[in-house]
């Protein structure tokens, strides 16, 4: 769930950052579109690919790619070289990585909890996910009142790398529940 929380933070902070950079409502709207397109382009493919590969490896690689992509945004900002195009590309790439993470995580659950417990496991994950969907964007919005979006994205990058480390450990069954 750490990876999901990070994705939700990005969904709020990146459009705010693009608006602060450009002052353009059109570019701000475009970043939201760009972050949604990967599900349309790669959603089915990511699930099929994850069925054929090591799901744990797919999840770790996806989190590392998302983390490195997102950390490029605050680094470029702090170096004074961030552009709206950079933010748009980073949003697309990070969301694409998350689509692959999500496809692998969805398929990994039955193997982790067993078929007899899949119903209760899905119930717990979807219930907690719904709480994240409500709470994380609100928290990110409140934080944006006192923290620059680039800084928030830097913290977000750490969440992706934490998720990758968690999933990569031998505590896979425990980690999927929180990552």
Protein backbone atom coordinates (compact mmCIF):
# COMPACT_ATOMS: atom_id res chain seq x y z
CA UNK A 1 0.00 0.00 0.00
CA UNK A 2 3.05 2.26 0.31
CA UNK A 3 3.35 2.30 -3.47
CA UNK A 4 -0.33 3.18 -3.85
CA UNK A 5 0.01 6.02 -1.33
CA UNK A 6 2.98 7.35 -3.29
CA UNK A 7 1.03 7.27 -6.53
CA UNK A 8 -1.81 9.21 -4.90
CA UNK A 9 0.61 11.86 -3.61
CA UNK A 10 2.05 12.24 -7.11
CA UNK A 11 -1.44 12.61 -8.57
CA UNK A 12 -2.02 15.64 -6.35
CA UNK A 13 1.44 17.23 -6.12
CA UNK A 14 2.52 16.98 -9.76
CA UNK A 15 -0.37 19.04 -11.22
CA UNK A 16 0.21 21.70 -8.55
CA UNK A 17 3.90 21.78 -9.45
CA UNK A 18 3.15 22.04 -13.18
CA UNK A 19 0.79 24.94 -12.51
CA UNK A 20 3.40 26.71 -10.38
CA UNK A 21 5.97 26.21 -13.14
CA UNK A 22 3.85 27.21 -16.10
CA UNK A 23 0.84 29.13 -14.82
CA UNK A 24 -1.05 27.25 -17.51
CA UNK A 25 -4.41 25.61 -16.70
CA UNK A 26 -4.09 23.62 -19.95
CA UNK A 27 -0.75 22.07 -18.96
CA UNK A 28 -2.11 21.40 -15.49
CA UNK A 29 -5.05 19.52 -17.00
CA UNK A 30 -2.71 17.73 -19.39
CA UNK A 31 -0.63 16.29 -16.54
CA UNK A 32 -3.79 14.73 -15.12
CA UNK A 33 -4.58 13.20 -18.50
CA UNK A 34 -0.99 12.03 -18.96
CA UNK A 35 -1.12 10.27 -15.58
CA UNK A 36 -4.30 8.42 -16.58
CA UNK A 37 -3.27 7.29 -20.06
CA UNK A 38 -0.90 4.47 -18.97
CA UNK A 39 -3.82 2.41 -17.61
CA UNK A 40 -5.52 2.63 -20.99
CA UNK A 41 -2.35 1.81 -22.91
CA UNK A 42 -0.75 -0.81 -20.68
CA UNK A 43 -3.36 -2.08 -18.22
CA UNK A 44 -4.19 -5.38 -19.90
CA UNK A 45 -0.65 -5.90 -21.14
CA UNK A 46 0.83 -5.42 -17.67
CA UNK A 47 -1.39 -8.12 -16.18
CA UNK A 48 -0.59 -10.57 -18.97
CA UNK A 49 3.12 -9.85 -18.74
CA UNK A 50 3.07 -10.25 -14.96
CA UNK A 51 1.47 -13.67 -15.38
CA UNK A 52 4.51 -14.75 -17.38
CA UNK A 53 7.26 -13.16 -15.27
CA UNK A 54 8.33 -13.24 -11.65
CA UNK A 55 5.73 -10.94 -10.05
CA UNK A 56 7.99 -9.97 -7.17
CA UNK A 57 10.69 -8.83 -9.59
CA UNK A 58 8.15 -6.88 -11.68
CA UNK A 59 6.91 -5.11 -8.55
CA UNK A 60 10.42 -4.23 -7.37
CA UNK A 61 11.53 -2.96 -10.78
CA UNK A 62 8.32 -0.94 -11.18
CA UNK A 63 8.77 0.70 -7.79
CA UNK A 64 12.43 1.50 -8.46
CA UNK A 65 11.58 2.98 -11.88
CA UNK A 66 8.77 5.06 -10.37
CA UNK A 67 10.98 6.21 -7.50
CA UNK A 68 13.87 7.22 -9.74
CA UNK A 69 11.52 8.93 -12.19
CA UNK A 70 9.76 10.91 -9.48
CA UNK A 71 13.00 11.88 -7.71
CA UNK A 72 14.21 13.41 -10.98
CA UNK A 73 11.51 16.08 -10.64
CA UNK A 74 12.56 17.60 -7.30
CA UNK A 75 16.24 17.22 -8.23
CA UNK A 76 15.68 19.16 -11.45
CA UNK A 77 13.62 21.73 -9.53
CA UNK A 78 16.30 22.24 -6.87
CA UNK A 79 18.92 22.56 -9.63
CA UNK A 80 16.77 25.19 -11.37
CA UNK A 81 16.28 23.17 -14.55
CA UNK A 82 12.79 21.69 -14.16
CA UNK A 83 10.42 22.25 -17.08
CA UNK A 84 6.77 21.40 -17.50
CA UNK A 85 7.74 18.88 -20.20
CA UNK A 86 10.03 17.10 -17.72
CA UNK A 87 7.16 16.91 -15.22
CA UNK A 88 4.77 15.60 -17.89
CA UNK A 89 7.20 12.88 -18.99
CA UNK A 90 7.93 11.95 -15.36
CA UNK A 91 4.21 11.71 -14.61
CA UNK A 92 3.66 9.41 -17.58
CA UNK A 93 6.65 7.17 -16.79
CA UNK A 94 5.91 6.92 -13.07
CA UNK A 95 2.27 6.05 -13.71
CA UNK A 96 3.30 3.51 -16.35
CA UNK A 97 5.58 1.86 -13.80
CA UNK A 98 2.73 1.80 -11.30
CA UNK A 99 0.45 0.09 -13.84
CA UNK A 100 2.97 -2.75 -14.03
CA UNK A 101 3.30 -2.84 -10.23
CA UNK A 102 -0.47 -3.00 -9.89
CA UNK A 103 -0.81 -5.79 -12.47
CA UNK A 104 1.81 -7.88 -10.70
CA UNK A 105 0.41 -7.21 -7.22
CA UNK A 106 -3.10 -8.17 -8.26
CA UNK A 107 -1.87 -11.51 -9.59
CA UNK A 108 0.44 -12.15 -6.63
CA UNK A 109 -2.28 -12.07 -3.99
CA UNK A 110 -3.70 -15.60 -4.59
CA UNK A 111 -0.22 -17.10 -4.42
CA UNK A 112 0.50 -15.32 -1.14
CA UNK A 113 -2.71 -15.90 0.81
CA UNK A 114 -3.98 -19.07 -0.86
CA UNK A 115 -7.20 -19.54 -2.78
CA UNK A 116 -9.25 -20.24 0.34
CA UNK A 117 -8.44 -16.81 1.82
CA UNK A 118 -8.56 -14.74 -1.36
CA UNK A 119 -11.97 -13.25 -0.51
CA UNK A 120 -10.96 -11.92 2.88
CA UNK A 121 -7.59 -10.74 1.58
CA UNK A 122 -9.23 -8.84 -1.29
CA UNK A 123 -11.73 -7.36 1.13
CA UNK A 124 -8.95 -6.11 3.40
CA UNK A 125 -6.86 -4.72 0.54
CA UNK A 126 -9.76 -3.00 -1.22
CA UNK A 127 -11.07 -1.60 2.06
CA UNK A 128 -7.70 -0.19 3.04
CA UNK A 129 -7.17 1.01 -0.53
CA UNK A 130 -10.45 2.92 -0.36
CA UNK A 131 -9.28 4.62 2.83
CA UNK A 132 -6.04 5.57 1.09
CA UNK A 133 -7.98 6.89 -1.93
CA UNK A 134 -9.85 9.23 0.41
CA UNK A 135 -7.19 10.15 2.93
CA UNK A 136 -3.95 10.50 0.98
CA UNK A 137 -5.14 13.16 -1.51
CA UNK A 138 -6.62 15.17 1.38
CA UNK A 139 -3.38 14.87 3.35
CA UNK A 140 -1.34 15.80 0.27
CA UNK A 141 -3.54 18.87 -0.26
CA UNK A 142 -3.06 19.99 3.33
CA UNK A 143 0.70 19.41 3.11
CA UNK A 144 0.87 21.46 -0.09
CA UNK A 145 -0.25 24.46 1.95
CA UNK A 146 3.04 24.33 3.87
CA UNK A 147 5.40 22.16 1.77
CA UNK A 148 6.54 22.88 -1.78
CA UNK A 149 5.26 20.29 -4.30
CA UNK A 150 8.83 19.42 -5.31
CA UNK A 151 9.66 18.55 -1.70
CA UNK A 152 6.52 16.46 -1.42
CA UNK A 153 7.50 14.60 -4.58
CA UNK A 154 10.93 13.95 -3.07
CA UNK A 155 9.25 12.31 -0.09
CA UNK A 156 7.02 10.44 -2.52
CA UNK A 157 10.08 9.05 -4.32
CA UNK A 158 11.27 7.67 -0.99
CA UNK A 159 7.91 5.89 -0.59
CA UNK A 160 8.44 4.08 -3.89
CA UNK A 161 11.94 3.02 -2.90
CA UNK A 162 10.67 1.89 0.52
CA UNK A 163 8.01 -0.18 -1.23
CA UNK A 164 10.65 -1.73 -3.51
CA UNK A 165 12.79 -2.66 -0.52
CA UNK A 166 9.80 -4.09 1.30
CA UNK A 167 8.66 -6.21 -1.64
CA UNK A 168 12.22 -7.39 -2.31
CA UNK A 169 12.63 -8.83 1.18
CA UNK A 170 11.85 -12.39 2.09
CA UNK A 171 8.85 -11.08 4.03
CA UNK A 172 6.89 -10.94 0.78
CA UNK A 173 3.53 -11.96 2.26
CA UNK A 174 3.75 -9.32 4.99
CA UNK A 175 5.06 -6.65 2.65
CA UNK A 176 2.35 -6.98 0.01
CA UNK A 177 -0.18 -6.19 2.73
CA UNK A 178 1.49 -2.83 3.48
CA UNK A 179 3.25 -2.07 0.19
